[in-house]
Amino acid sequence: MDEGIAEEAASLRARNNLRTPDAIQLATAIRSGASFFLTNDSDFAAVPGISVHILQKLS
């Protein structure tokens, strides 16, 4: 984790009411250029900056 990820995580946490660990994971994915974020947490679907795929909806 670097300063950029920490800043992105803080911003995501503030704007989207995320828990800190969730915000760090999303910020890491966004900053690393991930194509999408796969999760079972449907609260992530509204997070801007990355395409979020909800595992339950893919089956």
PDB file of N, CA and C in Angstrom:
ATOM      1  N   MET A   1       0.847  -1.168   0.000  1.00  0.00           N
ATOM      2  CA  MET A   1       0.000   0.000   0.000  1.00  0.00           C
ATOM      3  C   MET A   1       0.897   1.237   0.000  1.00  0.00           C
ATOM      4  N   ASP A   2       0.501   2.203  -0.813  1.00  0.00           N
ATOM      5  CA  ASP A   2       1.254   3.450  -0.861  1.00  0.00           C
ATOM      6  C   ASP A   2       0.323   4.623  -0.552  1.00  0.00           C
ATOM      7  N   GLU A   3       0.885   5.812  -0.600  1.00  0.00           N
ATOM      8  CA  GLU A   3       0.120   7.006  -0.253  1.00  0.00           C
ATOM      9  C   GLU A   3      -1.083   7.222  -1.182  1.00  0.00           C
ATOM     10  N   GLY A   4      -0.906   6.929  -2.453  1.00  0.00           N
ATOM     11  CA  GLY A   4      -1.996   7.085  -3.419  1.00  0.00           C
ATOM     12  C   GLY A   4      -3.167   6.179  -3.116  1.00  0.00           C
ATOM     13  N   ILE A   5      -2.882   4.931  -2.763  1.00  0.00           N
ATOM     14  CA  ILE A   5      -3.944   3.989  -2.409  1.00  0.00           C
ATOM     15  C   ILE A   5      -4.632   4.443  -1.124  1.00  0.00           C
ATOM     16  N   ALA A   6      -3.853   4.909  -0.158  1.00  0.00           N
ATOM     17  CA  ALA A   6      -4.434   5.382   1.106  1.00  0.00           C
ATOM     18  C   ALA A   6      -5.370   6.564   0.868  1.00  0.00           C
ATOM     19  N   GLU A   7      -4.960   7.488   0.018  1.00  0.00           N
ATOM     20  CA  GLU A   7      -5.804   8.644  -0.290  1.00  0.00           C
ATOM     21  C   GLU A   7      -7.068   8.232  -1.035  1.00  0.00           C
ATOM     22  N   GLU A   8      -6.905   7.332  -1.994  1.00  0.00           N
ATOM     23  CA  GLU A   8      -8.074   6.823  -2.743  1.00  0.00           C
ATOM     24  C   GLU A   8      -9.022   6.096  -1.805  1.00  0.00           C
ATOM     25  N   ALA A   9      -8.492   5.282  -0.906  1.00  0.00           N
ATOM     26  CA  ALA A   9      -9.319   4.544   0.052  1.00  0.00           C
ATOM     27  C   ALA A   9     -10.082   5.498   0.965  1.00  0.00           C
ATOM     28  N   ALA A  10      -9.415   6.528   1.438  1.00  0.00           N
ATOM     29  CA  ALA A  10     -10.080   7.504   2.303  1.00  0.00           C
ATOM     30  C   ALA A  10     -11.219   8.199   1.559  1.00  0.00           C
ATOM     31  N   SER A  11     -10.979   8.529   0.312  1.00  0.00           N
ATOM     32  CA  SER A  11     -12.005   9.173  -0.497  1.00  0.00           C
ATOM     33  C   SER A  11     -13.187   8.237  -0.745  1.00  0.00           C
ATOM     34  N   LEU A  12     -12.894   7.002  -1.112  1.00  0.00           N
ATOM     35  CA  LEU A  12     -13.957   6.016  -1.338  1.00  0.00           C
ATOM     36  C   LEU A  12     -14.766   5.775  -0.066  1.00  0.00           C
ATOM     37  N   ARG A  13     -14.073   5.684   1.049  1.00  0.00           N
ATOM     38  CA  ARG A  13     -14.729   5.445   2.338  1.00  0.00           C
ATOM     39  C   ARG A  13     -15.675   6.598   2.665  1.00  0.00           C
ATOM     40  N   ALA A  14     -15.223   7.809   2.472  1.00  0.00           N
ATOM     41  CA  ALA A  14     -16.031   8.984   2.793  1.00  0.00           C
ATOM     42  C   ALA A  14     -17.241   9.121   1.869  1.00  0.00           C
ATOM     43  N   ARG A  15     -17.030   8.903   0.575  1.00  0.00           N
ATOM     44  CA  ARG A  15     -18.112   9.092  -0.403  1.00  0.00           C
ATOM     45  C   ARG A  15     -19.120   7.956  -0.419  1.00  0.00           C
ATOM     46  N   ASN A  16     -18.675   6.743  -0.061  1.00  0.00           N
ATOM     47  CA  ASN A  16     -19.540   5.566  -0.242  1.00  0.00           C
ATOM     48  C   ASN A  16     -19.868   4.834   1.049  1.00  0.00           C
ATOM     49  N   ASN A  17     -19.487   5.418   2.183  1.00  0.00           N
ATOM     50  CA  ASN A  17     -19.794   4.824   3.485  1.00  0.00           C
ATOM     51  C   ASN A  17     -19.303   3.373   3.584  1.00  0.00           C
ATOM     52  N   LEU A  18     -18.067   3.152   3.138  1.00  0.00           N
ATOM     53  CA  LEU A  18     -17.471   1.814   3.168  1.00  0.00           C
ATOM     54  C   LEU A  18     -16.656   1.622   4.435  1.00  0.00           C
ATOM     55  N   ARG A  19     -16.494   0.379   4.842  1.00  0.00           N
ATOM     56  CA  ARG A  19     -15.567   0.068   5.925  1.00  0.00           C
ATOM     57  C   ARG A  19     -14.149   0.238   5.381  1.00  0.00           C
ATOM     58  N   THR A  20     -13.223   0.535   6.266  1.00  0.00           N
ATOM     59  CA  THR A  20     -11.843   0.797   5.849  1.00  0.00           C
ATOM     60  C   THR A  20     -11.236  -0.363   5.052  1.00  0.00           C
ATOM     61  N   PRO A  21     -11.339  -1.618   5.505  1.00  0.00           N
ATOM     62  CA  PRO A  21     -10.742  -2.707   4.708  1.00  0.00           C
ATOM     63  C   PRO A  21     -11.335  -2.813   3.300  1.00  0.00           C
ATOM     64  N   ASP A  22     -12.649  -2.592   3.189  1.00  0.00           N
ATOM     65  CA  ASP A  22     -13.298  -2.639   1.873  1.00  0.00           C
ATOM     66  C   ASP A  22     -12.789  -1.519   0.980  1.00  0.00           C
ATOM     67  N   ALA A  23     -12.657  -0.332   1.548  1.00  0.00           N
ATOM     68  CA  ALA A  23     -12.166   0.807   0.778  1.00  0.00           C
ATOM     69  C   ALA A  23     -10.733   0.583   0.307  1.00  0.00           C
ATOM     70  N   ILE A  24      -9.912  -0.021   1.149  1.00  0.00           N
ATOM     71  CA  ILE A  24      -8.520  -0.312   0.767  1.00  0.00           C
ATOM     72  C   ILE A  24      -8.477  -1.311  -0.385  1.00  0.00           C
ATOM     73  N   GLN A  25      -9.297  -2.340  -0.321  1.00  0.00           N
ATOM     74  CA  GLN A  25      -9.328  -3.337  -1.399  1.00  0.00           C
ATOM     75  C   GLN A  25      -9.754  -2.699  -2.716  1.00  0.00           C
ATOM     76  N   LEU A  26     -10.810  -1.903  -2.672  1.00  0.00           N
ATOM     77  CA  LEU A  26     -11.283  -1.245  -3.893  1.00  0.00           C
ATOM     78  C   LEU A  26     -10.260  -0.250  -4.428  1.00  0.00           C
ATOM     79  N   ALA A  27      -9.665   0.533  -3.545  1.00  0.00           N
ATOM     80  CA  ALA A  27      -8.662   1.509  -3.969  1.00  0.00           C
ATOM     81  C   ALA A  27      -7.469   0.819  -4.610  1.00  0.00           C
ATOM     82  N   THR A  28      -7.068  -0.303  -4.053  1.00  0.00           N
ATOM     83  CA  THR A  28      -5.952  -1.065  -4.620  1.00  0.00           C
ATOM     84  C   THR A  28      -6.294  -1.559  -6.023  1.00  0.00           C
ATOM     85  N   ALA A  29      -7.515  -2.048  -6.193  1.00  0.00           N
ATOM     86  CA  ALA A  29      -7.946  -2.517  -7.512  1.00  0.00           C
ATOM     87  C   ALA A  29      -7.981  -1.366  -8.508  1.00  0.00           C
ATOM     88  N   ILE A  30      -8.529  -0.231  -8.102  1.00  0.00           N
ATOM     89  CA  ILE A  30      -8.626   0.925  -8.992  1.00  0.00           C
ATOM     90  C   ILE A  30      -7.239   1.420  -9.379  1.00  0.00           C
ATOM     91  N   ARG A  31      -6.373   1.588  -8.398  1.00  0.00           N
ATOM     92  CA  ARG A  31      -5.030   2.122  -8.649  1.00  0.00           C
ATOM     93  C   ARG A  31      -4.153   1.178  -9.453  1.00  0.00           C
ATOM     94  N   SER A  32      -4.419  -0.128  -9.358  1.00  0.00           N
ATOM     95  CA  SER A  32      -3.602  -1.091 -10.095  1.00  0.00           C
ATOM     96  C   SER A  32      -4.123  -1.327 -11.508  1.00  0.00           C
ATOM     97  N   GLY A  33      -5.255  -0.709 -11.842  1.00  0.00           N
ATOM     98  CA  GLY A  33      -5.802  -0.830 -13.190  1.00  0.00           C
ATOM     99  C   GLY A  33      -6.601  -2.091 -13.429  1.00  0.00           C
ATOM    100  N   ALA A  34      -7.161  -2.656 -12.379  1.00  0.00           N
ATOM    101  CA  ALA A  34      -7.968  -3.873 -12.526  1.00  0.00           C
ATOM    102  C   ALA A  34      -9.155  -3.612 -13.450  1.00  0.00           C
ATOM    103  N   SER A  35      -9.520  -4.623 -14.208  1.00  0.00           N
ATOM    104  CA  SER A  35     -10.649  -4.506 -15.123  1.00  0.00           C
ATOM    105  C   SER A  35     -11.986  -4.495 -14.391  1.00  0.00           C
ATOM    106  N   PHE A  36     -12.036  -5.217 -13.287  1.00  0.00           N
ATOM    107  CA  PHE A  36     -13.265  -5.284 -12.492  1.00  0.00           C
ATOM    108  C   PHE A  36     -12.930  -5.747 -11.086  1.00  0.00           C
ATOM    109  N   PHE A  37     -13.927  -5.647 -10.205  1.00  0.00           N
ATOM    110  CA  PHE A  37     -13.795  -6.092  -8.820  1.00  0.00           C
ATOM    111  C   PHE A  37     -14.895  -7.104  -8.579  1.00  0.00           C
ATOM    112  N   LEU A  38     -14.535  -8.313  -8.180  1.00  0.00           N
ATOM    113  CA  LEU A  38     -15.488  -9.390  -7.954  1.00  0.00           C
ATOM    114  C   LEU A  38     -15.741  -9.538  -6.461  1.00  0.00           C
ATOM    115  N   THR A  39     -17.006  -9.515  -6.070  1.00  0.00           N
ATOM    116  CA  THR A  39     -17.363  -9.578  -4.663  1.00  0.00           C
ATOM    117  C   THR A  39     -18.751 -10.193  -4.475  1.00  0.00           C
ATOM    118  N   ASN A  40     -19.073 -10.528  -3.251  1.00  0.00           N
ATOM    119  CA  ASN A  40     -20.428 -10.955  -2.907  1.00  0.00           C
ATOM    120  C   ASN A  40     -21.168  -9.852  -2.174  1.00  0.00           C
ATOM    121  N   ASP A  41     -20.538  -8.714  -2.000  1.00  0.00           N
ATOM    122  CA  ASP A  41     -21.116  -7.599  -1.262  1.00  0.00           C
ATOM    123  C   ASP A  41     -21.815  -6.652  -2.231  1.00  0.00           C
ATOM    124  N   SER A  42     -23.129  -6.696  -2.260  1.00  0.00           N
ATOM    125  CA  SER A  42     -23.885  -5.888  -3.223  1.00  0.00           C
ATOM    126  C   SER A  42     -23.790  -4.390  -2.947  1.00  0.00           C
ATOM    127  N   ASP A  43     -23.316  -3.988  -1.774  1.00  0.00           N
ATOM    128  CA  ASP A  43     -23.133  -2.567  -1.475  1.00  0.00           C
ATOM    129  C   ASP A  43     -22.048  -1.945  -2.344  1.00  0.00           C
ATOM    130  N   PHE A  44     -21.182  -2.748  -2.919  1.00  0.00           N
ATOM    131  CA  PHE A  44     -20.093  -2.237  -3.746  1.00  0.00           C
ATOM    132  C   PHE A  44     -20.565  -1.848  -5.142  1.00  0.00           C
ATOM    133  N   ALA A  45     -21.745  -2.262  -5.535  1.00  0.00           N
ATOM    134  CA  ALA A  45     -22.210  -2.048  -6.906  1.00  0.00           C
ATOM    135  C   ALA A  45     -22.264  -0.577  -7.291  1.00  0.00           C
ATOM    136  N   ALA A  46     -22.457   0.310  -6.341  1.00  0.00           N
ATOM    137  CA  ALA A  46     -22.602   1.729  -6.639  1.00  0.00           C
ATOM    138  C   ALA A  46     -21.283   2.498  -6.581  1.00  0.00           C
ATOM    139  N   VAL A  47     -20.181   1.816  -6.362  1.00  0.00           N
ATOM    140  CA  VAL A  47     -18.890   2.490  -6.233  1.00  0.00           C
ATOM    141  C   VAL A  47     -18.376   2.875  -7.618  1.00  0.00           C
ATOM    142  N   PRO A  48     -18.105   4.167  -7.830  1.00  0.00           N
ATOM    143  CA  PRO A  48     -17.586   4.605  -9.134  1.00  0.00           C
ATOM    144  C   PRO A  48     -16.094   4.317  -9.269  1.00  0.00           C
ATOM    145  N   GLY A  49     -15.621   4.283 -10.488  1.00  0.00           N
ATOM    146  CA  GLY A  49     -14.194   4.138 -10.736  1.00  0.00           C
ATOM    147  C   GLY A  49     -13.762   2.747 -11.131  1.00  0.00           C
ATOM    148  N   ILE A  50     -14.659   1.770 -10.951  1.00  0.00           N
ATOM    149  CA  ILE A  50     -14.328   0.398 -11.340  1.00  0.00           C
ATOM    150  C   ILE A  50     -15.630  -0.370 -11.556  1.00  0.00           C
ATOM    151  N   SER A  51     -15.608  -1.284 -12.490  1.00  0.00           N
ATOM    152  CA  SER A  51     -16.756  -2.142 -12.730  1.00  0.00           C
ATOM    153  C   SER A  51     -16.804  -3.207 -11.630  1.00  0.00           C
ATOM    154  N   VAL A  52     -17.924  -3.269 -10.918  1.00  0.00           N
ATOM    155  CA  VAL A  52     -18.071  -4.220  -9.820  1.00  0.00           C
ATOM    156  C   VAL A  52     -19.018  -5.325 -10.256  1.00  0.00           C
ATOM    157  N   HIS A  53     -18.559  -6.563 -10.150  1.00  0.00           N
ATOM    158  CA  HIS A  53     -19.382  -7.726 -10.477  1.00  0.00           C
ATOM    159  C   HIS A  53     -19.762  -8.431  -9.174  1.00  0.00           C
ATOM    160  N   ILE A  54     -21.058  -8.639  -8.992  1.00  0.00           N
ATOM    161  CA  ILE A  54     -21.556  -9.323  -7.796  1.00  0.00           C
ATOM    162  C   ILE A  54     -21.638 -10.806  -8.129  1.00  0.00           C
ATOM    163  N   LEU A  55     -20.897 -11.614  -7.395  1.00  0.00           N
ATOM    164  CA  LEU A  55     -20.780 -13.031  -7.680  1.00  0.00           C
ATOM    165  C   LEU A  55     -22.133 -13.730  -7.738  1.00  0.00           C
ATOM    166  N   GLN A  56     -23.017 -13.444  -6.823  1.00  0.00           N
ATOM    167  CA  GLN A  56     -24.330 -14.105  -6.804  1.00  0.00           C
ATOM    168  C   GLN A  56     -25.139 -13.829  -8.065  1.00  0.00           C
ATOM    169  N   LYS A  57     -24.938 -12.672  -8.667  1.00  0.00           N
ATOM    170  CA  LYS A  57     -25.689 -12.309  -9.859  1.00  0.00           C
ATOM    171  C   LYS A  57     -25.104 -12.938 -11.123  1.00  0.00           C
ATOM    172  N   LEU A  58     -23.881 -13.467 -11.047  1.00  0.00           N
ATOM    173  CA  LEU A  58     -23.237 -14.080 -12.202  1.00  0.00           C
ATOM    174  C   LEU A  58     -23.634 -15.532 -12.406  1.00  0.00           C
ATOM    175  N   SER A  59     -24.190 -16.153 -11.384  1.00  0.00           N
ATOM    176  CA  SER A  59     -24.529 -17.581 -11.506  1.00  0.00           C
ATOM    177  C   SER A  59     -25.904 -17.808 -12.063  1.00  0.00           C
TER     178      SER A  59
END
